[in-house]
Amino acid sequence: MIDEISLKILKILQEKARIPNVEIARKVGMAPSAVLERIRKLEKQGIIDGYEVILNPERFRRSLIAFVFVMTNRPEHELNIGKSLAEIPEVQEVHFIAGNDCFLIKVRAADINELDDILKNKISVIKNIFSTKTNIVLSTEKETSRIPLDISVLDHAK
């Protein structure tokens, strides 16, 4: 169960996952040991799934973002296709969606040539993929994996 203090802790961790436990404790007005225990409980309950470092894509020649709609010709194979798409290192997200297309994937590449290679040699070769439609991102105003947290989530998190 999440209470207001746990919610504050989650907000702090979403902002900066490597924040020292002592600093979290100071911000929420608790002992560091009590904060650590809460964090461990949140992890054990599956509320915190993990921690990851966010790298600057431009420093690793991965500044091109494309969203690709993937249509399959065999709906009964969608699970396998989704898993195959998820195994491609340049694919950051795989979403099974409603509508005419079956999947929406997010791809990061160095440039158009690399994106073309990924589409032709990694995505289109997956069995039972019928077609793809690619949208290239020209600029990004916001990109985050943070979940908005406010008091209203307390009732739903129980």
N, C-alpha and C. Protein backbone atom coordinates (compact mmCIF):
# COMPACT_ATOMS: atom_id res chain seq x y z
N MET A 1 0.84 -1.17 0.00
CA MET A 1 0.00 0.00 0.00
C MET A 1 0.89 1.25 0.00
N ILE A 2 0.53 2.23 -0.80
CA ILE A 2 1.30 3.46 -0.89
C ILE A 2 0.60 4.56 -0.09
N ASP A 3 1.36 5.20 0.78
CA ASP A 3 0.84 6.36 1.50
C ASP A 3 1.55 7.60 0.98
N GLU A 4 1.26 8.75 1.59
CA GLU A 4 1.83 10.02 1.10
C GLU A 4 3.35 10.05 1.19
N ILE A 5 3.92 9.47 2.23
CA ILE A 5 5.38 9.46 2.38
C ILE A 5 6.01 8.60 1.30
N SER A 6 5.45 7.43 1.05
CA SER A 6 5.98 6.58 -0.01
C SER A 6 5.86 7.28 -1.37
N LEU A 7 4.77 8.00 -1.56
CA LEU A 7 4.58 8.74 -2.80
C LEU A 7 5.67 9.81 -2.96
N LYS A 8 5.99 10.51 -1.88
CA LYS A 8 7.07 11.50 -1.91
C LYS A 8 8.40 10.83 -2.25
N ILE A 9 8.66 9.69 -1.66
CA ILE A 9 9.89 8.95 -1.93
C ILE A 9 9.97 8.57 -3.40
N LEU A 10 8.85 8.08 -3.94
CA LEU A 10 8.82 7.70 -5.36
C LEU A 10 9.08 8.89 -6.27
N LYS A 11 8.50 10.04 -5.94
CA LYS A 11 8.74 11.25 -6.73
C LYS A 11 10.22 11.62 -6.72
N ILE A 12 10.83 11.56 -5.55
CA ILE A 12 12.25 11.88 -5.42
C ILE A 12 13.10 10.91 -6.25
N LEU A 13 12.80 9.64 -6.16
CA LEU A 13 13.57 8.62 -6.89
C LEU A 13 13.40 8.75 -8.40
N GLN A 14 12.20 9.15 -8.85
CA GLN A 14 12.00 9.35 -10.28
C GLN A 14 12.84 10.52 -10.79
N GLU A 15 13.03 11.52 -9.95
CA GLU A 15 13.84 12.68 -10.34
C GLU A 15 15.32 12.32 -10.40
N LYS A 16 15.77 11.55 -9.40
CA LYS A 16 17.20 11.24 -9.29
C LYS A 16 17.35 9.92 -8.53
N ALA A 17 17.45 8.84 -9.27
CA ALA A 17 17.47 7.51 -8.66
C ALA A 17 18.71 7.27 -7.79
N ARG A 18 19.78 8.00 -8.04
CA ARG A 18 21.01 7.80 -7.27
C ARG A 18 21.14 8.74 -6.08
N ILE A 19 20.07 9.37 -5.71
CA ILE A 19 20.10 10.29 -4.57
C ILE A 19 20.44 9.49 -3.31
N PRO A 20 21.32 10.01 -2.46
CA PRO A 20 21.65 9.29 -1.23
C PRO A 20 20.42 9.11 -0.33
N ASN A 21 20.36 7.98 0.31
CA ASN A 21 19.25 7.66 1.21
C ASN A 21 19.08 8.72 2.30
N VAL A 22 20.19 9.24 2.79
CA VAL A 22 20.15 10.26 3.84
C VAL A 22 19.45 11.52 3.33
N GLU A 23 19.67 11.87 2.07
CA GLU A 23 19.03 13.06 1.51
C GLU A 23 17.52 12.84 1.34
N ILE A 24 17.13 11.64 0.92
CA ILE A 24 15.70 11.32 0.83
C ILE A 24 15.07 11.45 2.22
N ALA A 25 15.73 10.87 3.20
CA ALA A 25 15.22 10.90 4.58
C ALA A 25 15.03 12.34 5.05
N ARG A 26 15.98 13.21 4.74
CA ARG A 26 15.88 14.61 5.13
C ARG A 26 14.68 15.28 4.46
N LYS A 27 14.46 14.95 3.19
CA LYS A 27 13.38 15.59 2.43
C LYS A 27 12.00 15.14 2.89
N VAL A 28 11.89 13.90 3.38
CA VAL A 28 10.57 13.41 3.82
C VAL A 28 10.40 13.42 5.34
N GLY A 29 11.47 13.82 6.05
CA GLY A 29 11.38 13.92 7.51
C GLY A 29 11.34 12.60 8.23
N MET A 30 12.14 11.65 7.77
CA MET A 30 12.20 10.33 8.40
C MET A 30 13.65 9.93 8.64
N ALA A 31 13.83 8.88 9.42
CA ALA A 31 15.16 8.32 9.63
C ALA A 31 15.60 7.58 8.36
N PRO A 32 16.89 7.65 8.03
CA PRO A 32 17.38 6.95 6.84
C PRO A 32 17.05 5.46 6.83
N SER A 33 17.10 4.81 7.98
CA SER A 33 16.78 3.38 8.03
C SER A 33 15.32 3.11 7.67
N ALA A 34 14.42 4.00 8.11
CA ALA A 34 13.00 3.85 7.80
C ALA A 34 12.75 4.07 6.30
N VAL A 35 13.47 5.03 5.71
CA VAL A 35 13.34 5.28 4.27
C VAL A 35 13.84 4.08 3.48
N LEU A 36 14.98 3.55 3.89
CA LEU A 36 15.53 2.37 3.21
C LEU A 36 14.56 1.19 3.28
N GLU A 37 13.94 1.00 4.42
CA GLU A 37 12.96 -0.08 4.58
C GLU A 37 11.77 0.13 3.66
N ARG A 38 11.29 1.36 3.55
CA ARG A 38 10.17 1.67 2.64
C ARG A 38 10.55 1.38 1.19
N ILE A 39 11.74 1.80 0.80
CA ILE A 39 12.19 1.57 -0.57
C ILE A 39 12.27 0.07 -0.86
N ARG A 40 12.80 -0.69 0.08
CA ARG A 40 12.88 -2.15 -0.10
C ARG A 40 11.49 -2.77 -0.24
N LYS A 41 10.53 -2.29 0.55
CA LYS A 41 9.15 -2.79 0.45
C LYS A 41 8.54 -2.44 -0.91
N LEU A 42 8.78 -1.21 -1.37
CA LEU A 42 8.27 -0.79 -2.68
C LEU A 42 8.86 -1.65 -3.80
N GLU A 43 10.12 -2.01 -3.67
CA GLU A 43 10.76 -2.90 -4.65
C GLU A 43 10.15 -4.30 -4.58
N LYS A 44 10.00 -4.81 -3.37
CA LYS A 44 9.45 -6.16 -3.17
C LYS A 44 8.02 -6.27 -3.67
N GLN A 45 7.23 -5.19 -3.53
CA GLN A 45 5.84 -5.17 -3.98
C GLN A 45 5.73 -4.97 -5.49
N GLY A 46 6.85 -4.72 -6.15
CA GLY A 46 6.81 -4.52 -7.60
C GLY A 46 6.39 -3.12 -8.00
N ILE A 47 6.38 -2.21 -7.07
CA ILE A 47 6.04 -0.82 -7.40
C ILE A 47 7.25 -0.15 -8.05
N ILE A 48 8.43 -0.43 -7.52
CA ILE A 48 9.68 0.00 -8.17
C ILE A 48 10.20 -1.21 -8.94
N ASP A 49 10.25 -1.06 -10.27
CA ASP A 49 10.70 -2.17 -11.12
C ASP A 49 12.21 -2.22 -11.27
N GLY A 50 12.89 -1.09 -11.09
CA GLY A 50 14.34 -1.08 -11.25
C GLY A 50 14.85 0.34 -11.38
N TYR A 51 16.12 0.44 -11.63
CA TYR A 51 16.80 1.72 -11.76
C TYR A 51 17.66 1.64 -13.01
N GLU A 52 17.70 2.73 -13.77
CA GLU A 52 18.56 2.71 -14.94
C GLU A 52 19.18 4.08 -15.18
N VAL A 53 20.30 4.05 -15.85
CA VAL A 53 21.01 5.27 -16.22
C VAL A 53 20.47 5.73 -17.57
N ILE A 54 20.22 7.03 -17.71
CA ILE A 54 19.77 7.58 -18.98
C ILE A 54 20.97 8.22 -19.66
N LEU A 55 21.37 7.66 -20.77
CA LEU A 55 22.52 8.15 -21.50
C LEU A 55 22.10 9.20 -22.52
N ASN A 56 23.01 10.09 -22.86
CA ASN A 56 22.77 11.09 -23.89
C ASN A 56 22.93 10.41 -25.25
N PRO A 57 21.85 10.24 -26.02
CA PRO A 57 21.92 9.50 -27.29
C PRO A 57 22.89 10.10 -28.31
N GLU A 58 23.02 11.41 -28.30
CA GLU A 58 23.91 12.06 -29.26
C GLU A 58 25.37 11.68 -29.03
N ARG A 59 25.75 11.44 -27.78
CA ARG A 59 27.13 11.06 -27.46
C ARG A 59 27.46 9.66 -27.97
N PHE A 60 26.43 8.88 -28.31
CA PHE A 60 26.62 7.51 -28.77
C PHE A 60 26.10 7.30 -30.20
N ARG A 61 26.00 8.42 -30.94
CA ARG A 61 25.52 8.39 -32.32
C ARG A 61 24.17 7.67 -32.42
N ARG A 62 23.24 8.06 -31.61
CA ARG A 62 21.89 7.49 -31.63
C ARG A 62 20.85 8.60 -31.56
N SER A 63 21.05 9.69 -32.30
CA SER A 63 20.15 10.83 -32.18
C SER A 63 18.92 10.73 -33.07
N LEU A 64 18.91 9.84 -34.04
CA LEU A 64 17.74 9.68 -34.92
C LEU A 64 16.71 8.78 -34.24
N ILE A 65 15.49 9.28 -34.12
CA ILE A 65 14.39 8.50 -33.55
C ILE A 65 13.37 8.27 -34.66
N ALA A 66 12.88 7.04 -34.75
CA ALA A 66 11.80 6.74 -35.69
C ALA A 66 10.76 5.89 -34.97
N PHE A 67 9.51 6.18 -35.28
CA PHE A 67 8.42 5.34 -34.81
C PHE A 67 7.94 4.55 -36.01
N VAL A 68 7.89 3.24 -35.84
CA VAL A 68 7.57 2.35 -36.96
C VAL A 68 6.30 1.58 -36.61
N PHE A 69 5.31 1.70 -37.50
CA PHE A 69 4.10 0.87 -37.38
C PHE A 69 4.39 -0.42 -38.13
N VAL A 70 4.15 -1.54 -37.48
CA VAL A 70 4.43 -2.84 -38.07
C VAL A 70 3.13 -3.61 -38.19
N MET A 71 2.82 -4.03 -39.41
CA MET A 71 1.62 -4.81 -39.63
C MET A 71 2.02 -6.27 -39.90
N THR A 72 1.30 -7.17 -39.27
CA THR A 72 1.56 -8.60 -39.47
C THR A 72 0.48 -9.19 -40.37
N ASN A 73 0.82 -10.28 -41.01
CA ASN A 73 -0.18 -10.95 -41.85
C ASN A 73 -0.72 -12.21 -41.18
N ARG A 74 -0.22 -12.52 -40.00
CA ARG A 74 -0.67 -13.71 -39.27
C ARG A 74 -0.88 -13.34 -37.81
N PRO A 75 -2.09 -12.90 -37.45
CA PRO A 75 -2.35 -12.45 -36.08
C PRO A 75 -2.01 -13.47 -35.01
N GLU A 76 -2.10 -14.74 -35.35
CA GLU A 76 -1.82 -15.77 -34.34
C GLU A 76 -0.34 -15.82 -33.96
N HIS A 77 0.51 -15.15 -34.73
CA HIS A 77 1.95 -15.14 -34.44
C HIS A 77 2.41 -13.84 -33.81
N GLU A 78 1.49 -13.00 -33.35
CA GLU A 78 1.85 -11.69 -32.83
C GLU A 78 2.78 -11.76 -31.63
N LEU A 79 2.60 -12.73 -30.75
CA LEU A 79 3.47 -12.85 -29.58
C LEU A 79 4.91 -13.08 -30.01
N ASN A 80 5.12 -13.99 -30.96
CA ASN A 80 6.48 -14.27 -31.44
C ASN A 80 7.07 -13.07 -32.16
N ILE A 81 6.25 -12.37 -32.93
CA ILE A 81 6.74 -11.20 -33.65
C ILE A 81 7.14 -10.11 -32.65
N GLY A 82 6.33 -9.88 -31.65
CA GLY A 82 6.66 -8.91 -30.61
C GLY A 82 7.98 -9.23 -29.93
N LYS A 83 8.18 -10.50 -29.61
CA LYS A 83 9.44 -10.91 -28.97
C LYS A 83 10.62 -10.71 -29.92
N SER A 84 10.43 -11.02 -31.19
CA SER A 84 11.50 -10.83 -32.17
C SER A 84 11.85 -9.35 -32.32
N LEU A 85 10.85 -8.49 -32.34
CA LEU A 85 11.11 -7.06 -32.43
C LEU A 85 11.85 -6.57 -31.19
N ALA A 86 11.48 -7.08 -30.04
CA ALA A 86 12.10 -6.67 -28.77
C ALA A 86 13.56 -7.08 -28.68
N GLU A 87 13.96 -8.09 -29.43
CA GLU A 87 15.35 -8.56 -29.40
C GLU A 87 16.29 -7.69 -30.23
N ILE A 88 15.76 -6.81 -31.04
CA ILE A 88 16.61 -5.94 -31.87
C ILE A 88 17.17 -4.83 -30.98
N PRO A 89 18.48 -4.72 -30.86
CA PRO A 89 19.07 -3.76 -29.92
C PRO A 89 18.66 -2.31 -30.15
N GLU A 90 18.46 -1.91 -31.39
CA GLU A 90 18.11 -0.53 -31.70
C GLU A 90 16.64 -0.21 -31.41
N VAL A 91 15.84 -1.22 -31.16
CA VAL A 91 14.43 -1.03 -30.83
C VAL A 91 14.33 -0.78 -29.33
N GLN A 92 13.83 0.40 -28.96
CA GLN A 92 13.73 0.77 -27.55
C GLN A 92 12.38 0.43 -26.94
N GLU A 93 11.33 0.42 -27.75
CA GLU A 93 9.99 0.13 -27.24
C GLU A 93 9.24 -0.71 -28.26
N VAL A 94 8.43 -1.62 -27.76
CA VAL A 94 7.55 -2.43 -28.61
C VAL A 94 6.17 -2.41 -27.96
N HIS A 95 5.19 -1.90 -28.70
CA HIS A 95 3.83 -1.80 -28.18
C HIS A 95 2.88 -2.52 -29.13
N PHE A 96 2.07 -3.42 -28.60
CA PHE A 96 1.00 -4.05 -29.36
C PHE A 96 -0.16 -3.07 -29.30
N ILE A 97 -0.69 -2.66 -30.45
CA ILE A 97 -1.68 -1.58 -30.48
C ILE A 97 -2.97 -2.00 -31.17
N ALA A 98 -4.02 -1.25 -30.88
CA ALA A 98 -5.30 -1.44 -31.56
C ALA A 98 -5.24 -0.67 -32.88
N GLY A 99 -6.10 -1.03 -33.81
CA GLY A 99 -6.13 -0.34 -35.09
C GLY A 99 -5.64 -1.23 -36.21
N ASN A 100 -5.35 -0.61 -37.33
CA ASN A 100 -4.92 -1.37 -38.51
C ASN A 100 -3.54 -1.99 -38.36
N ASP A 101 -2.66 -1.30 -37.67
CA ASP A 101 -1.32 -1.82 -37.45
C ASP A 101 -1.32 -2.69 -36.21
N CYS A 102 -0.35 -3.57 -36.12
CA CYS A 102 -0.30 -4.47 -34.98
C CYS A 102 0.67 -4.00 -33.90
N PHE A 103 1.78 -3.42 -34.31
CA PHE A 103 2.79 -2.97 -33.35
C PHE A 103 3.22 -1.55 -33.68
N LEU A 104 3.58 -0.83 -32.64
CA LEU A 104 4.25 0.46 -32.79
C LEU A 104 5.57 0.30 -32.05
N ILE A 105 6.67 0.54 -32.76
CA ILE A 105 7.98 0.40 -32.13
C ILE A 105 8.74 1.72 -32.22
N LYS A 106 9.59 1.94 -31.25
CA LYS A 106 10.47 3.11 -31.25
C LYS A 106 11.88 2.61 -31.53
N VAL A 107 12.50 3.21 -32.55
CA VAL A 107 13.84 2.81 -32.97
C VAL A 107 14.77 4.01 -32.82
N ARG A 108 15.98 3.75 -32.32
CA ARG A 108 17.03 4.78 -32.28
C ARG A 108 18.16 4.33 -33.19
N ALA A 109 18.61 5.26 -34.03
CA ALA A 109 19.68 4.95 -34.98
C ALA A 109 20.62 6.15 -35.10
N ALA A 110 21.75 5.93 -35.73
CA ALA A 110 22.73 7.00 -35.93
C ALA A 110 22.26 7.97 -37.00
N ASP A 111 21.70 7.42 -38.08
CA ASP A 111 21.31 8.26 -39.21
C ASP A 111 20.33 7.49 -40.09
N ILE A 112 19.94 8.11 -41.20
CA ILE A 112 18.98 7.50 -42.13
C ILE A 112 19.51 6.19 -42.70
N ASN A 113 20.79 6.13 -43.00
CA ASN A 113 21.36 4.90 -43.57
C ASN A 113 21.26 3.73 -42.59
N GLU A 114 21.56 4.00 -41.32
CA GLU A 114 21.44 2.93 -40.33
C GLU A 114 19.98 2.54 -40.13
N LEU A 115 19.08 3.52 -40.10
CA LEU A 115 17.66 3.21 -39.97
C LEU A 115 17.21 2.33 -41.13
N ASP A 116 17.62 2.68 -42.34
CA ASP A 116 17.28 1.88 -43.52
C ASP A 116 17.77 0.45 -43.37
N ASP A 117 18.98 0.29 -42.87
CA ASP A 117 19.54 -1.05 -42.66
C ASP A 117 18.74 -1.83 -41.61
N ILE A 118 18.35 -1.16 -40.53
CA ILE A 118 17.55 -1.82 -39.48
C ILE A 118 16.21 -2.27 -40.04
N LEU A 119 15.56 -1.38 -40.80
CA LEU A 119 14.26 -1.72 -41.38
C LEU A 119 14.36 -2.89 -42.35
N LYS A 120 15.36 -2.87 -43.23
CA LYS A 120 15.50 -3.90 -44.26
C LYS A 120 16.05 -5.22 -43.73
N ASN A 121 17.04 -5.15 -42.85
CA ASN A 121 17.77 -6.36 -42.47
C ASN A 121 17.46 -6.92 -41.09
N LYS A 122 16.71 -6.17 -40.29
CA LYS A 122 16.38 -6.67 -38.95
C LYS A 122 14.87 -6.76 -38.72
N ILE A 123 14.12 -5.82 -39.26
CA ILE A 123 12.67 -5.80 -39.00
C ILE A 123 11.90 -6.53 -40.11
N SER A 124 12.11 -6.13 -41.35
CA SER A 124 11.34 -6.70 -42.46
C SER A 124 11.60 -8.18 -42.68
N VAL A 125 12.71 -8.69 -42.18
CA VAL A 125 13.03 -10.11 -42.37
C VAL A 125 12.33 -11.01 -41.34
N ILE A 126 11.69 -10.42 -40.35
CA ILE A 126 10.97 -11.22 -39.35
C ILE A 126 9.77 -11.86 -40.02
N LYS A 127 9.64 -13.15 -39.83
CA LYS A 127 8.57 -13.92 -40.45
C LYS A 127 7.20 -13.37 -40.06
N ASN A 128 6.32 -13.27 -41.03
CA ASN A 128 4.93 -12.83 -40.89
C ASN A 128 4.74 -11.33 -40.70
N ILE A 129 5.79 -10.54 -40.95
CA ILE A 129 5.60 -9.09 -41.00
C ILE A 129 5.19 -8.75 -42.42
N PHE A 130 4.05 -8.11 -42.53
CA PHE A 130 3.45 -7.79 -43.82
C PHE A 130 3.96 -6.45 -44.37
N SER A 131 3.99 -5.44 -43.50
CA SER A 131 4.46 -4.13 -43.95
C SER A 131 4.87 -3.28 -42.76
N THR A 132 5.60 -2.21 -43.06
CA THR A 132 5.98 -1.23 -42.05
C THR A 132 5.70 0.17 -42.59
N LYS A 133 5.45 1.08 -41.67
CA LYS A 133 5.30 2.49 -42.02
C LYS A 133 6.11 3.27 -41.00
N THR A 134 7.06 4.07 -41.47
CA THR A 134 8.01 4.73 -40.59
C THR A 134 7.78 6.23 -40.53
N ASN A 135 7.78 6.76 -39.32
CA ASN A 135 7.72 8.20 -39.08
C ASN A 135 9.01 8.60 -38.38
N ILE A 136 9.73 9.54 -38.97
CA ILE A 136 11.00 10.00 -38.40
C ILE A 136 10.73 11.26 -37.57
N VAL A 137 11.32 11.29 -36.38
CA VAL A 137 11.16 12.42 -35.47
C VAL A 137 12.10 13.54 -35.90
N LEU A 138 11.54 14.73 -36.08
CA LEU A 138 12.35 15.89 -36.46
C LEU A 138 12.92 16.60 -35.24
N SER A 139 12.15 16.68 -34.17
CA SER A 139 12.65 17.24 -32.92
C SER A 139 11.82 16.67 -31.77
N THR A 140 12.38 16.72 -30.59
CA THR A 140 11.72 16.17 -29.41
C THR A 140 11.60 17.25 -28.35
N GLU A 141 10.40 17.51 -27.91
CA GLU A 141 10.15 18.48 -26.85
C GLU A 141 10.19 17.82 -25.47
N LYS A 142 9.77 16.57 -25.40
CA LYS A 142 9.75 15.87 -24.12
C LYS A 142 9.90 14.38 -24.38
N GLU A 143 10.73 13.75 -23.57
CA GLU A 143 10.89 12.30 -23.62
C GLU A 143 11.20 11.85 -22.20
N THR A 144 10.34 11.03 -21.65
CA THR A 144 10.52 10.60 -20.26
C THR A 144 9.86 9.24 -20.05
N SER A 145 10.31 8.56 -19.02
CA SER A 145 9.63 7.34 -18.59
C SER A 145 8.98 7.55 -17.23
N ARG A 146 9.03 8.79 -16.75
CA ARG A 146 8.43 9.10 -15.45
C ARG A 146 6.90 9.01 -15.52
N ILE A 147 6.33 8.55 -14.43
CA ILE A 147 4.88 8.45 -14.29
C ILE A 147 4.43 9.61 -13.40
N PRO A 148 3.42 10.38 -13.83
CA PRO A 148 2.92 11.46 -12.97
C PRO A 148 2.38 10.89 -11.66
N LEU A 149 2.85 11.43 -10.56
CA LEU A 149 2.43 10.95 -9.24
C LEU A 149 1.82 12.11 -8.46
N ASP A 150 0.60 11.92 -7.99
CA ASP A 150 -0.04 12.88 -7.10
C ASP A 150 -0.95 12.09 -6.16
N ILE A 151 -1.60 12.78 -5.31
CA ILE A 151 -2.43 12.14 -4.28
C ILE A 151 -3.49 11.22 -4.87
N SER A 152 -4.00 11.54 -6.06
CA SER A 152 -5.06 10.73 -6.66
C SER A 152 -4.62 9.29 -6.96
N VAL A 153 -3.31 9.06 -7.08
CA VAL A 153 -2.85 7.69 -7.35
C VAL A 153 -2.91 6.80 -6.11
N LEU A 154 -3.03 7.43 -4.94
CA LEU A 154 -3.03 6.63 -3.71
C LEU A 154 -4.19 5.65 -3.66
N ASP A 155 -5.36 6.06 -4.09
CA ASP A 155 -6.52 5.18 -4.07
C ASP A 155 -6.37 4.01 -5.04
N HIS A 156 -5.70 4.24 -6.16
CA HIS A 156 -5.56 3.20 -7.18
C HIS A 156 -4.37 2.28 -6.90
N ALA A 157 -3.44 2.69 -6.09
CA ALA A 157 -2.24 1.91 -5.85
C ALA A 157 -2.41 0.86 -4.77
N LYS A 158 -3.56 0.81 -4.15
CA LYS A 158 -3.78 -0.14 -3.03
C LYS A 158 -4.00 -1.54 -3.53
